[in-house]
Amino acid sequence: QVQVAESGGDLVQPGGSLTLSCTISGLALAPMAWFRQVPGQEREPMVCISRSGATVRYAVDSAEGRFKISRDNGKNTIYLRMNSLKPEDTATYYCAPVIVCNDYPSDWKNSDGYWGQGTQVTVSS
């Protein structure tokens, strides 16, 4: 059974930084993605990374240049480093294995259908 566990969310001031972590178990090496969701809105894809980590794609223009995804396959963990945080980044952040990491975020479907609890990021002064 696939399980993902997100962590690292916190309350941070605008301009601050956070690093989110996502530990995966029960799954062979897979492309992964970070998503975020604001109450009342659909979960949206943010950024994905290929199995090897060589390919990274951003779905949200505002994240590129501020957010960086990485992975440590030896630890079955992916990370999301977020810099220059803005109040509009406030959301619950989720990670998930996806079918593919490519130029089309609509293709980044959760390959297992399982969502973790997410981790809350609040950007506020």
PDB file of N, CA and C in Angstrom:
ATOM      1  N   GLN A   1       0.840  -1.180   0.000  1.00  0.00           N
ATOM      2  CA  GLN A   1       0.000   0.000   0.000  1.00  0.00           C
ATOM      3  C   GLN A   1       0.889   1.248   0.000  1.00  0.00           C
ATOM      4  N   VAL A   2       0.569   2.149  -0.921  1.00  0.00           N
ATOM      5  CA  VAL A   2       1.343   3.373  -1.012  1.00  0.00           C
ATOM      6  C   VAL A   2       0.956   4.307   0.128  1.00  0.00           C
ATOM      7  N   GLN A   3       1.958   4.874   0.717  1.00  0.00           N
ATOM      8  CA  GLN A   3       1.712   5.892   1.735  1.00  0.00           C
ATOM      9  C   GLN A   3       2.662   7.051   1.503  1.00  0.00           C
ATOM     10  N   VAL A   4       2.153   8.255   1.679  1.00  0.00           N
ATOM     11  CA  VAL A   4       2.986   9.441   1.615  1.00  0.00           C
ATOM     12  C   VAL A   4       2.745  10.243   2.883  1.00  0.00           C
ATOM     13  N   ALA A   5       3.791  10.878   3.343  1.00  0.00           N
ATOM     14  CA  ALA A   5       3.687  11.678   4.562  1.00  0.00           C
ATOM     15  C   ALA A   5       4.395  12.996   4.324  1.00  0.00           C
ATOM     16  N   GLU A   6       3.610  14.067   4.285  1.00  0.00           N
ATOM     17  CA  GLU A   6       4.166  15.397   4.082  1.00  0.00           C
ATOM     18  C   GLU A   6       4.448  16.051   5.425  1.00  0.00           C
ATOM     19  N   SER A   7       5.473  16.864   5.458  1.00  0.00           N
ATOM     20  CA  SER A   7       5.804  17.572   6.690  1.00  0.00           C
ATOM     21  C   SER A   7       6.566  18.848   6.350  1.00  0.00           C
ATOM     22  N   GLY A   8       6.729  19.691   7.347  1.00  0.00           N
ATOM     23  CA  GLY A   8       7.525  20.899   7.173  1.00  0.00           C
ATOM     24  C   GLY A   8       6.731  22.182   7.065  1.00  0.00           C
ATOM     25  N   GLY A   9       5.406  22.078   6.963  1.00  0.00           N
ATOM     26  CA  GLY A   9       4.602  23.288   6.871  1.00  0.00           C
ATOM     27  C   GLY A   9       4.641  24.080   8.170  1.00  0.00           C
ATOM     28  N   ASP A  10       4.418  25.383   8.050  1.00  0.00           N
ATOM     29  CA  ASP A  10       4.514  26.239   9.230  1.00  0.00           C
ATOM     30  C   ASP A  10       3.912  27.597   8.917  1.00  0.00           C
ATOM     31  N   LEU A  11       3.846  28.423   9.921  1.00  0.00           N
ATOM     32  CA  LEU A  11       3.478  29.831   9.758  1.00  0.00           C
ATOM     33  C   LEU A  11       4.768  30.608   9.523  1.00  0.00           C
ATOM     34  N   VAL A  12       4.813  31.357   8.440  1.00  0.00           N
ATOM     35  CA  VAL A  12       6.027  32.086   8.105  1.00  0.00           C
ATOM     36  C   VAL A  12       5.645  33.477   7.609  1.00  0.00           C
ATOM     37  N   GLN A  13       6.522  34.417   7.835  1.00  0.00           N
ATOM     38  CA  GLN A  13       6.263  35.786   7.385  1.00  0.00           C
ATOM     39  C   GLN A  13       6.515  35.924   5.884  1.00  0.00           C
ATOM     40  N   PRO A  14       5.865  36.871   5.248  1.00  0.00           N
ATOM     41  CA  PRO A  14       6.150  37.116   3.830  1.00  0.00           C
ATOM     42  C   PRO A  14       7.637  37.352   3.604  1.00  0.00           C
ATOM     43  N   GLY A  15       8.140  36.750   2.544  1.00  0.00           N
ATOM     44  CA  GLY A  15       9.563  36.829   2.256  1.00  0.00           C
ATOM     45  C   GLY A  15      10.376  35.719   2.873  1.00  0.00           C
ATOM     46  N   GLY A  16       9.753  34.948   3.744  1.00  0.00           N
ATOM     47  CA  GLY A  16      10.459  33.869   4.414  1.00  0.00           C
ATOM     48  C   GLY A  16      10.598  32.628   3.555  1.00  0.00           C
ATOM     49  N   SER A  17      11.185  31.583   4.147  1.00  0.00           N
ATOM     50  CA  SER A  17      11.456  30.338   3.425  1.00  0.00           C
ATOM     51  C   SER A  17      11.009  29.138   4.248  1.00  0.00           C
ATOM     52  N   LEU A  18      10.703  28.081   3.558  1.00  0.00           N
ATOM     53  CA  LEU A  18      10.367  26.808   4.175  1.00  0.00           C
ATOM     54  C   LEU A  18      10.852  25.683   3.286  1.00  0.00           C
ATOM     55  N   THR A  19      11.114  24.541   3.883  1.00  0.00           N
ATOM     56  CA  THR A  19      11.388  23.325   3.125  1.00  0.00           C
ATOM     57  C   THR A  19      10.392  22.261   3.549  1.00  0.00           C
ATOM     58  N   LEU A  20       9.604  21.815   2.596  1.00  0.00           N
ATOM     59  CA  LEU A  20       8.664  20.725   2.832  1.00  0.00           C
ATOM     60  C   LEU A  20       9.315  19.401   2.472  1.00  0.00           C
ATOM     61  N   SER A  21       8.919  18.361   3.179  1.00  0.00           N
ATOM     62  CA  SER A  21       9.419  17.021   2.900  1.00  0.00           C
ATOM     63  C   SER A  21       8.247  16.084   2.651  1.00  0.00           C
ATOM     64  N   CYS A  22       8.510  15.072   1.859  1.00  0.00           N
ATOM     65  CA  CYS A  22       7.486  14.062   1.571  1.00  0.00           C
ATOM     66  C   CYS A  22       8.174  12.712   1.530  1.00  0.00           C
ATOM     67  N   THR A  23       7.810  11.846   2.438  1.00  0.00           N
ATOM     68  CA  THR A  23       8.374  10.507   2.493  1.00  0.00           C
ATOM     69  C   THR A  23       7.380   9.519   1.915  1.00  0.00           C
ATOM     70  N   ILE A  24       7.869   8.668   1.027  1.00  0.00           N
ATOM     71  CA  ILE A  24       7.008   7.726   0.311  1.00  0.00           C
ATOM     72  C   ILE A  24       7.372   6.303   0.708  1.00  0.00           C
ATOM     73  N   SER A  25       6.367   5.458   0.874  1.00  0.00           N
ATOM     74  CA  SER A  25       6.610   4.049   1.129  1.00  0.00           C
ATOM     75  C   SER A  25       5.625   3.215   0.332  1.00  0.00           C
ATOM     76  N   GLY A  26       6.018   1.984   0.071  1.00  0.00           N
ATOM     77  CA  GLY A  26       5.140   1.074  -0.646  1.00  0.00           C
ATOM     78  C   GLY A  26       5.069   1.308  -2.127  1.00  0.00           C
ATOM     79  N   LEU A  27       6.069   1.976  -2.672  1.00  0.00           N
ATOM     80  CA  LEU A  27       6.014   2.336  -4.086  1.00  0.00           C
ATOM     81  C   LEU A  27       7.413   2.266  -4.678  1.00  0.00           C
ATOM     82  N   ALA A  28       7.495   1.685  -5.854  1.00  0.00           N
ATOM     83  CA  ALA A  28       8.758   1.720  -6.581  1.00  0.00           C
ATOM     84  C   ALA A  28       9.008   3.140  -7.061  1.00  0.00           C
ATOM     85  N   LEU A  29      10.219   3.380  -7.485  1.00  0.00           N
ATOM     86  CA  LEU A  29      10.605   4.707  -7.934  1.00  0.00           C
ATOM     87  C   LEU A  29       9.604   5.232  -8.953  1.00  0.00           C
ATOM     88  N   ALA A  30       9.133   6.470  -8.737  1.00  0.00           N
ATOM     89  CA  ALA A  30       8.104   7.035  -9.603  1.00  0.00           C
ATOM     90  C   ALA A  30       8.307   8.531  -9.750  1.00  0.00           C
ATOM     91  N   PRO A  31       7.804   9.096 -10.834  1.00  0.00           N
ATOM     92  CA  PRO A  31       7.765  10.552 -10.907  1.00  0.00           C
ATOM     93  C   PRO A  31       6.890  11.060  -9.758  1.00  0.00           C
ATOM     94  N   MET A  32       7.233  12.216  -9.232  1.00  0.00           N
ATOM     95  CA  MET A  32       6.494  12.759  -8.099  1.00  0.00           C
ATOM     96  C   MET A  32       6.145  14.212  -8.379  1.00  0.00           C
ATOM     97  N   ALA A  33       5.138  14.681  -7.695  1.00  0.00           N
ATOM     98  CA  ALA A  33       4.737  16.080  -7.860  1.00  0.00           C
ATOM     99  C   ALA A  33       4.246  16.645  -6.545  1.00  0.00           C
ATOM    100  N   TRP A  34       4.390  17.943  -6.424  1.00  0.00           N
ATOM    101  CA  TRP A  34       3.777  18.679  -5.326  1.00  0.00           C
ATOM    102  C   TRP A  34       2.541  19.389  -5.859  1.00  0.00           C
ATOM    103  N   PHE A  35       1.504  19.348  -5.052  1.00  0.00           N
ATOM    104  CA  PHE A  35       0.252  20.039  -5.349  1.00  0.00           C
ATOM    105  C   PHE A  35      -0.075  20.944  -4.162  1.00  0.00           C
ATOM    106  N   ARG A  36      -0.976  21.883  -4.372  1.00  0.00           N
ATOM    107  CA  ARG A  36      -1.453  22.659  -3.241  1.00  0.00           C
ATOM    108  C   ARG A  36      -2.950  22.931  -3.403  1.00  0.00           C
ATOM    109  N   GLN A  37      -3.571  23.151  -2.269  1.00  0.00           N
ATOM    110  CA  GLN A  37      -5.021  23.373  -2.283  1.00  0.00           C
ATOM    111  C   GLN A  37      -5.395  24.423  -1.258  1.00  0.00           C
ATOM    112  N   VAL A  38      -6.203  25.347  -1.717  1.00  0.00           N
ATOM    113  CA  VAL A  38      -6.775  26.375  -0.867  1.00  0.00           C
ATOM    114  C   VAL A  38      -8.227  25.985  -0.609  1.00  0.00           C
ATOM    115  N   PRO A  39      -8.736  26.158   0.596  1.00  0.00           N
ATOM    116  CA  PRO A  39     -10.138  25.799   0.866  1.00  0.00           C
ATOM    117  C   PRO A  39     -11.094  26.400  -0.149  1.00  0.00           C
ATOM    118  N   GLY A  40     -11.969  25.558  -0.658  1.00  0.00           N
ATOM    119  CA  GLY A  40     -12.946  26.023  -1.623  1.00  0.00           C
ATOM    120  C   GLY A  40     -12.462  25.972  -3.057  1.00  0.00           C
ATOM    121  N   GLN A  41     -11.203  25.592  -3.249  1.00  0.00           N
ATOM    122  CA  GLN A  41     -10.661  25.504  -4.598  1.00  0.00           C
ATOM    123  C   GLN A  41     -10.147  24.102  -4.867  1.00  0.00           C
ATOM    124  N   GLU A  42      -9.952  23.800  -6.122  1.00  0.00           N
ATOM    125  CA  GLU A  42      -9.425  22.490  -6.493  1.00  0.00           C
ATOM    126  C   GLU A  42      -7.936  22.417  -6.182  1.00  0.00           C
ATOM    127  N   ARG A  43      -7.490  21.205  -5.931  1.00  0.00           N
ATOM    128  CA  ARG A  43      -6.069  20.972  -5.745  1.00  0.00           C
ATOM    129  C   ARG A  43      -5.366  21.250  -7.070  1.00  0.00           C
ATOM    130  N   GLU A  44      -4.280  22.016  -7.037  1.00  0.00           N
ATOM    131  CA  GLU A  44      -3.592  22.364  -8.273  1.00  0.00           C
ATOM    132  C   GLU A  44      -2.160  21.833  -8.262  1.00  0.00           C
ATOM    133  N   PRO A  45      -1.686  21.376  -9.395  1.00  0.00           N
ATOM    134  CA  PRO A  45      -0.302  20.927  -9.492  1.00  0.00           C
ATOM    135  C   PRO A  45       0.652  22.114  -9.431  1.00  0.00           C
ATOM    136  N   MET A  46       1.784  21.898  -8.796  1.00  0.00           N
ATOM    137  CA  MET A  46       2.776  22.958  -8.661  1.00  0.00           C
ATOM    138  C   MET A  46       4.035  22.664  -9.467  1.00  0.00           C
ATOM    139  N   VAL A  47       4.635  21.534  -9.173  1.00  0.00           N
ATOM    140  CA  VAL A  47       5.918  21.196  -9.770  1.00  0.00           C
ATOM    141  C   VAL A  47       6.081  19.683  -9.700  1.00  0.00           C
ATOM    142  N   CYS A  48       6.750  19.122 -10.708  1.00  0.00           N
ATOM    143  CA  CYS A  48       6.983  17.677 -10.701  1.00  0.00           C
ATOM    144  C   CYS A  48       8.458  17.382 -10.940  1.00  0.00           C
ATOM    145  N   ILE A  49       8.822  16.149 -10.624  1.00  0.00           N
ATOM    146  CA  ILE A  49      10.207  15.713 -10.802  1.00  0.00           C
ATOM    147  C   ILE A  49      10.197  14.273 -11.295  1.00  0.00           C
ATOM    148  N   SER A  50      11.092  13.980 -12.211  1.00  0.00           N
ATOM    149  CA  SER A  50      11.164  12.634 -12.777  1.00  0.00           C
ATOM    150  C   SER A  50      11.796  11.656 -11.797  1.00  0.00           C
ATOM    151  N   ARG A  51      11.795  10.375 -12.167  1.00  0.00           N
ATOM    152  CA  ARG A  51      12.344   9.327 -11.293  1.00  0.00           C
ATOM    153  C   ARG A  51      13.789   9.624 -10.900  1.00  0.00           C
ATOM    154  N   SER A  52      14.565  10.030 -11.856  1.00  0.00           N
ATOM    155  CA  SER A  52      15.991  10.258 -11.583  1.00  0.00           C
ATOM    156  C   SER A  52      16.258  11.616 -10.964  1.00  0.00           C
ATOM    157  N   GLY A  53      15.288  12.520 -11.117  1.00  0.00           N
ATOM    158  CA  GLY A  53      15.498  13.888 -10.654  1.00  0.00           C
ATOM    159  C   GLY A  53      16.071  14.799 -11.721  1.00  0.00           C
ATOM    160  N   ALA A  54      16.338  14.230 -12.898  1.00  0.00           N
ATOM    161  CA  ALA A  54      16.967  15.022 -13.963  1.00  0.00           C
ATOM    162  C   ALA A  54      15.992  15.991 -14.611  1.00  0.00           C
ATOM    163  N   THR A  55      14.699  15.651 -14.558  1.00  0.00           N
ATOM    164  CA  THR A  55      13.684  16.498 -15.192  1.00  0.00           C
ATOM    165  C   THR A  55      12.781  17.119 -14.136  1.00  0.00           C
ATOM    166  N   VAL A  56      12.617  18.410 -14.238  1.00  0.00           N
ATOM    167  CA  VAL A  56      11.730  19.159 -13.348  1.00  0.00           C
ATOM    168  C   VAL A  56      10.847  20.050 -14.214  1.00  0.00           C
ATOM    169  N   ARG A  57       9.582  20.093 -13.907  1.00  0.00           N
ATOM    170  CA  ARG A  57       8.655  20.951 -14.634  1.00  0.00           C
ATOM    171  C   ARG A  57       7.781  21.711 -13.653  1.00  0.00           C
ATOM    172  N   TYR A  58       7.517  22.963 -13.973  1.00  0.00           N
ATOM    173  CA  TYR A  58       6.684  23.801 -13.129  1.00  0.00           C
ATOM    174  C   TYR A  58       5.326  24.010 -13.797  1.00  0.00           C
ATOM    175  N   ALA A  59       4.293  23.957 -12.995  1.00  0.00           N
ATOM    176  CA  ALA A  59       2.946  24.200 -13.497  1.00  0.00           C
ATOM    177  C   ALA A  59       2.495  25.625 -13.199  1.00  0.00           C
ATOM    178  N   VAL A  60       3.108  26.221 -12.215  1.00  0.00           N
ATOM    179  CA  VAL A  60       2.711  27.550 -11.781  1.00  0.00           C
ATOM    180  C   VAL A  60       3.868  28.508 -12.020  1.00  0.00           C
ATOM    181  N   ASP A  61       3.646  29.503 -12.868  1.00  0.00           N
ATOM    182  CA  ASP A  61       4.725  30.435 -13.211  1.00  0.00           C
ATOM    183  C   ASP A  61       5.282  31.140 -11.980  1.00  0.00           C
ATOM    184  N   SER A  62       4.402  31.435 -11.044  1.00  0.00           N
ATOM    185  CA  SER A  62       4.853  32.198  -9.867  1.00  0.00           C
ATOM    186  C   SER A  62       5.779  31.387  -8.983  1.00  0.00           C
ATOM    187  N   ALA A  63       5.750  30.060  -9.147  1.00  0.00           N
ATOM    188  CA  ALA A  63       6.614  29.206  -8.326  1.00  0.00           C
ATOM    189  C   ALA A  63       8.014  29.071  -8.921  1.00  0.00           C
ATOM    190  N   GLU A  64       8.089  29.104 -10.234  1.00  0.00           N
ATOM    191  CA  GLU A  64       9.399  28.944 -10.869  1.00  0.00           C
ATOM    192  C   GLU A  64      10.304  30.103 -10.487  1.00  0.00           C
ATOM    193  N   GLY A  65      11.488  29.757 -10.033  1.00  0.00           N
ATOM    194  CA  GLY A  65      12.411  30.773  -9.559  1.00  0.00           C
ATOM    195  C   GLY A  65      12.362  30.969  -8.055  1.00  0.00           C
ATOM    196  N   ARG A  66      11.225  30.598  -7.439  1.00  0.00           N
ATOM    197  CA  ARG A  66      11.121  30.704  -5.981  1.00  0.00           C
ATOM    198  C   ARG A  66      11.099  29.338  -5.311  1.00  0.00           C
ATOM    199  N   PHE A  67      10.500  28.354  -5.978  1.00  0.00           N
ATOM    200  CA  PHE A  67      10.376  27.014  -5.413  1.00  0.00           C
ATOM    201  C   PHE A  67      11.325  26.057  -6.138  1.00  0.00           C
ATOM    202  N   LYS A  68      11.878  25.149  -5.383  1.00  0.00           N
ATOM    203  CA  LYS A  68      12.766  24.160  -5.973  1.00  0.00           C
ATOM    204  C   LYS A  68      12.421  22.784  -5.451  1.00  0.00           C
ATOM    205  N   ILE A  69      12.161  21.862  -6.358  1.00  0.00           N
ATOM    206  CA  ILE A  69      11.872  20.482  -5.985  1.00  0.00           C
ATOM    207  C   ILE A  69      13.145  19.662  -6.122  1.00  0.00           C
ATOM    208  N   SER A  70      13.311  18.709  -5.241  1.00  0.00           N
ATOM    209  CA  SER A  70      14.447  17.793  -5.322  1.00  0.00           C
ATOM    210  C   SER A  70      14.032  16.467  -4.711  1.00  0.00           C
ATOM    211  N   ARG A  71      14.856  15.460  -4.884  1.00  0.00           N
ATOM    212  CA  ARG A  71      14.544  14.159  -4.314  1.00  0.00           C
ATOM    213  C   ARG A  71      15.815  13.442  -3.901  1.00  0.00           C
ATOM    214  N   ASP A  72      15.651  12.610  -2.900  1.00  0.00           N
ATOM    215  CA  ASP A  72      16.713  11.719  -2.433  1.00  0.00           C
ATOM    216  C   ASP A  72      16.136  10.315  -2.505  1.00  0.00           C
ATOM    217  N   ASN A  73      16.449   9.602  -3.577  1.00  0.00           N
ATOM    218  CA  ASN A  73      15.850   8.284  -3.771  1.00  0.00           C
ATOM    219  C   ASN A  73      16.325   7.276  -2.724  1.00  0.00           C
ATOM    220  N   GLY A  74      17.486   7.482  -2.190  1.00  0.00           N
ATOM    221  CA  GLY A  74      17.970   6.601  -1.143  1.00  0.00           C
ATOM    222  C   GLY A  74      17.142   6.702   0.131  1.00  0.00           C
ATOM    223  N   LYS A  75      16.521   7.853   0.322  1.00  0.00           N
ATOM    224  CA  LYS A  75      15.683   8.083   1.505  1.00  0.00           C
ATOM    225  C   LYS A  75      14.203   8.053   1.161  1.00  0.00           C
ATOM    226  N   ASN A  76      13.878   7.784  -0.109  1.00  0.00           N
ATOM    227  CA  ASN A  76      12.472   7.783  -0.547  1.00  0.00           C
ATOM    228  C   ASN A  76      11.770   9.075  -0.162  1.00  0.00           C
ATOM    229  N   THR A  77      12.440  10.157  -0.375  1.00  0.00           N
ATOM    230  CA  THR A  77      11.921  11.457   0.065  1.00  0.00           C
ATOM    231  C   THR A  77      12.076  12.491  -1.041  1.00  0.00           C
ATOM    232  N   ILE A  78      11.048  13.321  -1.192  1.00  0.00           N
ATOM    233  CA  ILE A  78      11.172  14.479  -2.066  1.00  0.00           C
ATOM    234  C   ILE A  78      11.002  15.735  -1.217  1.00  0.00           C
ATOM    235  N   TYR A  79      11.535  16.816  -1.717  1.00  0.00           N
ATOM    236  CA  TYR A  79      11.543  18.067  -0.971  1.00  0.00           C
ATOM    237  C   TYR A  79      10.988  19.190  -1.835  1.00  0.00           C
ATOM    238  N   LEU A  80      10.506  20.205  -1.176  1.00  0.00           N
ATOM    239  CA  LEU A  80      10.118  21.421  -1.861  1.00  0.00           C
ATOM    240  C   LEU A  80      10.672  22.588  -1.062  1.00  0.00           C
ATOM    241  N   ARG A  81      11.684  23.212  -1.613  1.00  0.00           N
ATOM    242  CA  ARG A  81      12.263  24.377  -0.982  1.00  0.00           C
ATOM    243  C   ARG A  81      11.520  25.590  -1.513  1.00  0.00           C
ATOM    244  N   MET A  82      10.939  26.375  -0.615  1.00  0.00           N
ATOM    245  CA  MET A  82      10.152  27.534  -1.001  1.00  0.00           C
ATOM    246  C   MET A  82      10.799  28.788  -0.442  1.00  0.00           C
ATOM    247  N   ASN A  83      11.160  29.686  -1.322  1.00  0.00           N
ATOM    248  CA  ASN A  83      11.778  30.958  -0.934  1.00  0.00           C
ATOM    249  C   ASN A  83      10.855  32.118  -1.302  1.00  0.00           C
ATOM    250  N   SER A  84      11.129  33.267  -0.712  1.00  0.00           N
ATOM    251  CA  SER A  84      10.375  34.493  -1.013  1.00  0.00           C
ATOM    252  C   SER A  84       8.873  34.247  -0.955  1.00  0.00           C
ATOM    253  N   LEU A  85       8.446  33.631   0.104  1.00  0.00           N
ATOM    254  CA  LEU A  85       7.039  33.246   0.217  1.00  0.00           C
ATOM    255  C   LEU A  85       6.124  34.467   0.261  1.00  0.00           C
ATOM    256  N   LYS A  86       4.952  34.285  -0.349  1.00  0.00           N
ATOM    257  CA  LYS A  86       3.957  35.343  -0.441  1.00  0.00           C
ATOM    258  C   LYS A  86       2.665  34.886   0.232  1.00  0.00           C
ATOM    259  N   PRO A  87       1.846  35.803   0.678  1.00  0.00           N
ATOM    260  CA  PRO A  87       0.571  35.400   1.298  1.00  0.00           C
ATOM    261  C   PRO A  87      -0.266  34.491   0.397  1.00  0.00           C
ATOM    262  N   GLU A  88      -0.184  34.683  -0.904  1.00  0.00           N
ATOM    263  CA  GLU A  88      -0.961  33.836  -1.817  1.00  0.00           C
ATOM    264  C   GLU A  88      -0.421  32.417  -1.926  1.00  0.00           C
ATOM    265  N   ASP A  89       0.721  32.143  -1.307  1.00  0.00           N
ATOM    266  CA  ASP A  89       1.231  30.774  -1.242  1.00  0.00           C
ATOM    267  C   ASP A  89       0.584  29.989  -0.108  1.00  0.00           C
ATOM    268  N   THR A  90      -0.213  30.659   0.698  1.00  0.00           N
ATOM    269  CA  THR A  90      -0.895  29.981   1.797  1.00  0.00           C
ATOM    270  C   THR A  90      -1.820  28.899   1.254  1.00  0.00           C
ATOM    271  N   ALA A  91      -1.600  27.677   1.713  1.00  0.00           N
ATOM    272  CA  ALA A  91      -2.359  26.531   1.210  1.00  0.00           C
ATOM    273  C   ALA A  91      -1.927  25.288   1.967  1.00  0.00           C
ATOM    274  N   THR A  92      -2.642  24.211   1.727  1.00  0.00           N
ATOM    275  CA  THR A  92      -2.193  22.900   2.166  1.00  0.00           C
ATOM    276  C   THR A  92      -1.451  22.261   1.006  1.00  0.00           C
ATOM    277  N   TYR A  93      -0.259  21.774   1.271  1.00  0.00           N
ATOM    278  CA  TYR A  93       0.606  21.225   0.230  1.00  0.00           C
ATOM    279  C   TYR A  93       0.619  19.702   0.336  1.00  0.00           C
ATOM    280  N   TYR A  94       0.465  19.060  -0.806  1.00  0.00           N
ATOM    281  CA  TYR A  94       0.438  17.611  -0.904  1.00  0.00           C
ATOM    282  C   TYR A  94       1.494  17.142  -1.901  1.00  0.00           C
ATOM    283  N   CYS A  95       1.998  15.951  -1.668  1.00  0.00           N
ATOM    284  CA  CYS A  95       2.828  15.318  -2.688  1.00  0.00           C
ATOM    285  C   CYS A  95       2.133  14.032  -3.130  1.00  0.00           C
ATOM    286  N   ALA A  96       2.477  13.587  -4.309  1.00  0.00           N
ATOM    287  CA  ALA A  96       1.874  12.357  -4.822  1.00  0.00           C
ATOM    288  C   ALA A  96       2.721  11.805  -5.950  1.00  0.00           C
ATOM    289  N   PRO A  97       2.719  10.474  -6.099  1.00  0.00           N
ATOM    290  CA  PRO A  97       3.325   9.894  -7.297  1.00  0.00           C
ATOM    291  C   PRO A  97       2.414  10.209  -8.481  1.00  0.00           C
ATOM    292  N   VAL A  98       3.007  10.516  -9.594  1.00  0.00           N
ATOM    293  CA  VAL A  98       2.215  10.846 -10.771  1.00  0.00           C
ATOM    294  C   VAL A  98       2.597   9.942 -11.940  1.00  0.00           C
ATOM    295  N   ILE A  99       1.674   9.866 -12.877  1.00  0.00           N
ATOM    296  CA  ILE A  99       1.885   8.988 -14.026  1.00  0.00           C
ATOM    297  C   ILE A  99       3.073   9.441 -14.848  1.00  0.00           C
ATOM    298  N   VAL A 100       3.239  10.739 -14.969  1.00  0.00           N
ATOM    299  CA  VAL A 100       4.302  11.284 -15.799  1.00  0.00           C
ATOM    300  C   VAL A 100       4.638  12.683 -15.314  1.00  0.00           C
ATOM    301  N   CYS A 101       5.861  13.078 -15.532  1.00  0.00           N
ATOM    302  CA  CYS A 101       6.280  14.457 -15.291  1.00  0.00           C
ATOM    303  C   CYS A 101       6.676  15.017 -16.650  1.00  0.00           C
ATOM    304  N   ASN A 102       5.815  15.864 -17.203  1.00  0.00           N
ATOM    305  CA  ASN A 102       6.090  16.393 -18.538  1.00  0.00           C
ATOM    306  C   ASN A 102       5.666  17.854 -18.602  1.00  0.00           C
ATOM    307  N   ASP A 103       5.549  18.375 -19.805  1.00  0.00           N
ATOM    308  CA  ASP A 103       5.236  19.797 -19.978  1.00  0.00           C
ATOM    309  C   ASP A 103       3.759  20.115 -19.782  1.00  0.00           C
ATOM    310  N   TYR A 104       2.942  19.115 -19.505  1.00  0.00           N
ATOM    311  CA  TYR A 104       1.490  19.310 -19.441  1.00  0.00           C
ATOM    312  C   TYR A 104       0.968  18.940 -18.055  1.00  0.00           C
ATOM    313  N   PRO A 105       0.815  19.913 -17.173  1.00  0.00           N
ATOM    314  CA  PRO A 105       0.376  19.625 -15.807  1.00  0.00           C
ATOM    315  C   PRO A 105      -0.927  18.836 -15.726  1.00  0.00           C
ATOM    316  N   SER A 106      -1.776  18.954 -16.730  1.00  0.00           N
ATOM    317  CA  SER A 106      -3.018  18.172 -16.713  1.00  0.00           C
ATOM    318  C   SER A 106      -2.737  16.674 -16.808  1.00  0.00           C
ATOM    319  N   ASP A 107      -1.539  16.300 -17.238  1.00  0.00           N
ATOM    320  CA  ASP A 107      -1.150  14.895 -17.316  1.00  0.00           C
ATOM    321  C   ASP A 107      -0.646  14.355 -15.986  1.00  0.00           C
ATOM    322  N   TRP A 108      -0.384  15.241 -15.037  1.00  0.00           N
ATOM    323  CA  TRP A 108       0.239  14.826 -13.780  1.00  0.00           C
ATOM    324  C   TRP A 108      -0.815  14.231 -12.843  1.00  0.00           C
ATOM    325  N   LYS A 109      -1.344  13.103 -13.274  1.00  0.00           N
ATOM    326  CA  LYS A 109      -2.388  12.455 -12.480  1.00  0.00           C
ATOM    327  C   LYS A 109      -1.758  11.613 -11.384  1.00  0.00           C
ATOM    328  N   ASN A 110      -2.379  11.646 -10.229  1.00  0.00           N
ATOM    329  CA  ASN A 110      -1.939  10.817  -9.115  1.00  0.00           C
ATOM    330  C   ASN A 110      -2.031   9.355  -9.551  1.00  0.00           C
ATOM    331  N   SER A 111      -0.908   8.678  -9.660  1.00  0.00           N
ATOM    332  CA  SER A 111      -0.891   7.323 -10.215  1.00  0.00           C
ATOM    333  C   SER A 111      -1.514   6.308  -9.275  1.00  0.00           C
ATOM    334  N   ASP A 112      -1.606   6.645  -8.006  1.00  0.00           N
ATOM    335  CA  ASP A 112      -2.149   5.691  -7.041  1.00  0.00           C
ATOM    336  C   ASP A 112      -3.531   6.087  -6.553  1.00  0.00           C
ATOM    337  N   GLY A 113      -3.852   7.344  -6.658  1.00  0.00           N
ATOM    338  CA  GLY A 113      -5.144   7.825  -6.177  1.00  0.00           C
ATOM    339  C   GLY A 113      -5.176   8.101  -4.691  1.00  0.00           C
ATOM    340  N   TYR A 114      -4.044   7.874  -4.022  1.00  0.00           N
ATOM    341  CA  TYR A 114      -3.998   8.068  -2.568  1.00  0.00           C
ATOM    342  C   TYR A 114      -3.397   9.433  -2.277  1.00  0.00           C
ATOM    343  N   TRP A 115      -4.034  10.179  -1.378  1.00  0.00           N
ATOM    344  CA  TRP A 115      -3.519  11.471  -0.935  1.00  0.00           C
ATOM    345  C   TRP A 115      -3.201  11.415   0.551  1.00  0.00           C
ATOM    346  N   GLY A 116      -2.068  11.980   0.915  1.00  0.00           N
ATOM    347  CA  GLY A 116      -1.725  12.054   2.326  1.00  0.00           C
ATOM    348  C   GLY A 116      -2.504  13.161   3.015  1.00  0.00           C
ATOM    349  N   GLN A 117      -2.110  13.469   4.229  1.00  0.00           N
ATOM    350  CA  GLN A 117      -2.791  14.496   5.012  1.00  0.00           C
ATOM    351  C   GLN A 117      -2.429  15.901   4.556  1.00  0.00           C
ATOM    352  N   GLY A 118      -1.308  16.016   3.877  1.00  0.00           N
ATOM    353  CA  GLY A 118      -0.848  17.340   3.477  1.00  0.00           C
ATOM    354  C   GLY A 118      -0.172  18.047   4.631  1.00  0.00           C
ATOM    355  N   THR A 119       0.440  19.172   4.314  1.00  0.00           N
ATOM    356  CA  THR A 119       1.079  19.987   5.336  1.00  0.00           C
ATOM    357  C   THR A 119       0.702  21.445   5.077  1.00  0.00           C
ATOM    358  N   GLN A 120       0.317  22.135   6.133  1.00  0.00           N
ATOM    359  CA  GLN A 120      -0.220  23.480   6.003  1.00  0.00           C
ATOM    360  C   GLN A 120       0.899  24.515   5.996  1.00  0.00           C
ATOM    361  N   VAL A 121       0.860  25.371   4.986  1.00  0.00           N
ATOM    362  CA  VAL A 121       1.772  26.510   4.904  1.00  0.00           C
ATOM    363  C   VAL A 121       0.930  27.781   4.989  1.00  0.00           C
ATOM    364  N   THR A 122       1.256  28.606   5.948  1.00  0.00           N
ATOM    365  CA  THR A 122       0.561  29.869   6.116  1.00  0.00           C
ATOM    366  C   THR A 122       1.580  30.993   6.061  1.00  0.00           C
ATOM    367  N   VAL A 123       1.364  31.918   5.132  1.00  0.00           N
ATOM    368  CA  VAL A 123       2.275  33.042   4.974  1.00  0.00           C
ATOM    369  C   VAL A 123       1.527  34.302   5.399  1.00  0.00           C
ATOM    370  N   SER A 124       1.951  34.840   6.516  1.00  0.00           N
ATOM    371  CA  SER A 124       1.243  35.986   7.076  1.00  0.00           C
ATOM    372  C   SER A 124       2.152  36.744   8.025  1.00  0.00           C
ATOM    373  N   SER A 125       1.946  38.034   8.075  1.00  0.00           N
ATOM    374  CA  SER A 125       2.704  38.844   9.028  1.00  0.00           C
ATOM    375  C   SER A 125       1.919  39.008  10.328  1.00  0.00           C
TER     376      SER A 125
END
